[in-house]
Protein backbone atom coordinates (compact mmCIF):
# COMPACT_ATOMS: atom_id res chain seq x y z
CA UNK A 1 14.47 92.25 110.78
CA UNK A 2 17.68 93.90 110.41
CA UNK A 3 18.59 97.33 111.87
CA UNK A 4 21.64 99.48 111.22
CA UNK A 5 25.23 98.56 111.83
CA UNK A 6 26.19 94.90 111.45
CA UNK A 7 29.84 95.21 111.56
CA UNK A 8 31.50 97.46 113.98
CA UNK A 9 35.25 97.99 114.12
CA UNK A 10 36.39 98.15 117.84
CA UNK A 11 39.76 98.68 119.29
CA UNK A 12 41.52 95.29 118.26
CA UNK A 13 38.32 93.59 117.28
CA UNK A 14 35.17 93.41 114.93
CA UNK A 15 31.87 93.18 116.59
CA UNK A 16 29.25 91.49 114.31
CA UNK A 17 25.54 91.67 114.81
CA UNK A 18 23.19 89.73 112.50
CA UNK A 19 20.19 91.83 113.46
CA UNK A 20 22.07 94.99 113.67
CA UNK A 21 23.24 97.25 116.79
CA UNK A 22 20.43 99.72 116.08
CA UNK A 23 17.52 97.41 117.06
CA UNK A 24 15.16 98.33 119.66
CA UNK A 25 14.91 96.79 123.30
CA UNK A 26 12.17 94.55 121.99
CA UNK A 27 13.87 93.37 118.86
CA UNK A 28 17.09 92.81 120.83
CA UNK A 29 14.91 90.49 123.20
CA UNK A 30 13.16 88.73 120.43
CA UNK A 31 16.39 88.14 118.58
CA UNK A 32 17.86 86.71 121.82
CA UNK A 33 15.15 84.21 122.09
CA UNK A 34 15.24 83.44 118.06
CA UNK A 35 18.97 82.86 118.51
CA UNK A 36 18.59 80.56 121.53
CA UNK A 37 16.14 78.57 119.52
CA UNK A 38 17.59 78.59 116.03
CA UNK A 39 21.53 79.02 116.64
CA UNK A 40 22.03 81.85 114.36
CA UNK A 41 25.06 83.17 115.77
CA UNK A 42 26.51 79.86 116.32
CA UNK A 43 26.05 79.00 112.68
CA UNK A 44 27.50 82.22 111.66
CA UNK A 45 30.55 81.65 113.88
CA UNK A 46 31.13 78.12 112.70
CA UNK A 47 31.07 79.20 109.10
CA UNK A 48 33.36 82.13 109.62
CA UNK A 49 35.73 79.83 111.53
CA UNK A 50 35.87 77.52 108.44
CA UNK A 51 36.30 80.48 106.01
CA UNK A 52 39.02 82.06 108.03
CA UNK A 53 40.68 79.14 109.58
CA UNK A 54 44.15 80.29 108.56
CA UNK A 55 44.01 83.66 110.26
CA UNK A 56 44.28 82.73 113.95
CA UNK A 57 41.15 84.59 115.00
CA UNK A 58 39.02 83.86 117.87
CA UNK A 59 35.12 84.07 117.37
CA UNK A 60 33.34 84.58 120.71
CA UNK A 61 29.59 84.89 121.05
CA UNK A 62 28.57 87.57 123.66
CA UNK A 63 25.74 89.68 124.72
CA UNK A 64 22.21 89.26 123.27
CA UNK A 65 22.82 90.15 119.63
CA UNK A 66 26.43 89.83 118.58
CA UNK A 67 29.55 88.08 118.66
CA UNK A 68 33.29 89.20 118.50
CA UNK A 69 36.25 88.31 116.18
CA UNK A 70 39.85 89.03 117.35
CA UNK A 71 43.31 87.54 117.23
CA UNK A 72 43.80 84.58 119.25
CA UNK A 73 44.97 85.45 122.71
CA UNK A 74 43.22 88.79 122.94
CA UNK A 75 40.31 87.42 125.15
CA UNK A 76 39.47 88.33 128.74
CA UNK A 77 42.45 86.38 129.83
CA UNK A 78 44.75 89.16 128.29
CA UNK A 79 43.87 91.12 131.48
CA UNK A 80 45.60 88.51 133.87
CA UNK A 81 48.86 89.66 132.33
CA UNK A 82 48.41 92.75 134.41
CA UNK A 83 47.63 91.05 137.89
CA UNK A 84 50.84 89.31 139.01
CA UNK A 85 50.43 85.99 140.52
CA UNK A 86 52.72 87.11 143.50
CA UNK A 87 49.99 89.79 144.22
CA UNK A 88 46.82 87.98 143.76
CA UNK A 89 46.22 84.65 145.41
CA UNK A 90 42.51 84.44 144.42
CA UNK A 91 40.67 85.86 141.42
CA UNK A 92 36.84 85.36 141.06
CA UNK A 93 35.42 85.87 137.52
CA UNK A 94 31.67 86.34 137.13
CA UNK A 95 30.13 85.97 133.50
CA UNK A 96 27.07 85.02 131.67
CA UNK A 97 28.54 83.51 128.51
CA UNK A 98 30.88 80.88 130.17
CA UNK A 99 29.98 78.14 127.81
CA UNK A 100 32.30 77.14 125.05
CA UNK A 101 32.45 79.58 122.41
CA UNK A 102 31.04 82.30 124.88
CA UNK A 103 33.06 85.48 125.34
CA UNK A 104 33.51 84.59 129.04
CA UNK A 105 34.62 80.99 128.55
CA UNK A 106 38.53 81.27 128.36
CA UNK A 107 38.84 83.45 131.56
CA UNK A 108 36.16 81.43 133.42
CA UNK A 109 38.05 78.23 132.69
CA UNK A 110 41.57 79.72 133.27
CA UNK A 111 43.70 78.06 136.03
CA UNK A 112 44.00 81.46 137.88
CA UNK A 113 40.63 82.11 138.18
CA UNK A 114 37.67 80.76 139.93
CA UNK A 115 34.73 81.11 137.62
CA UNK A 116 31.03 81.76 138.33
CA UNK A 117 28.36 81.71 135.83
CA UNK A 118 25.70 84.23 136.47
CA UNK A 119 22.41 85.10 134.70
CA UNK A 120 21.89 89.01 135.72
CA UNK A 121 23.37 91.51 137.86
CA UNK A 122 21.01 90.74 140.57
CA UNK A 123 22.19 87.06 140.22
CA UNK A 124 26.03 88.41 140.36
CA UNK A 125 25.01 90.45 143.48
CA UNK A 126 23.55 87.46 145.20
CA UNK A 127 26.49 85.17 144.51
CA UNK A 128 28.81 87.94 145.75
CA UNK A 129 26.97 88.17 148.95
CA UNK A 130 27.02 84.38 149.59
CA UNK A 131 30.71 84.27 148.66
CA UNK A 132 32.05 87.39 150.36
CA UNK A 133 29.46 88.52 152.93
CA UNK A 134 28.73 85.35 154.84
């Protein structure tokens, strides 16, 4: 099943959704399960990496239904340029797609951050409480 917009141009990147951005919540959840079992987005990313290997692009799986395509170096680590090392001794990053190829991976693994994998907003809150409130 496919619904609506499949390619969305955002500032500095493309967002590609195999099922379409206009899917219902149920379709979104069903696709996430299907993708987990069948690797639809991973297969698409691998094919696009091969097809566009000379363009210095990063392909990054994120969310439930899509992946992003952007110039190398424009991942979430870009934000660290605006946080001078002299001002920030410790930077914690919380993300759900921290695996290689996920849209949180680069900043999760960055030497300036302490990365935390989370599964939900509630999990994020629990981890923050354990880290900062105890």
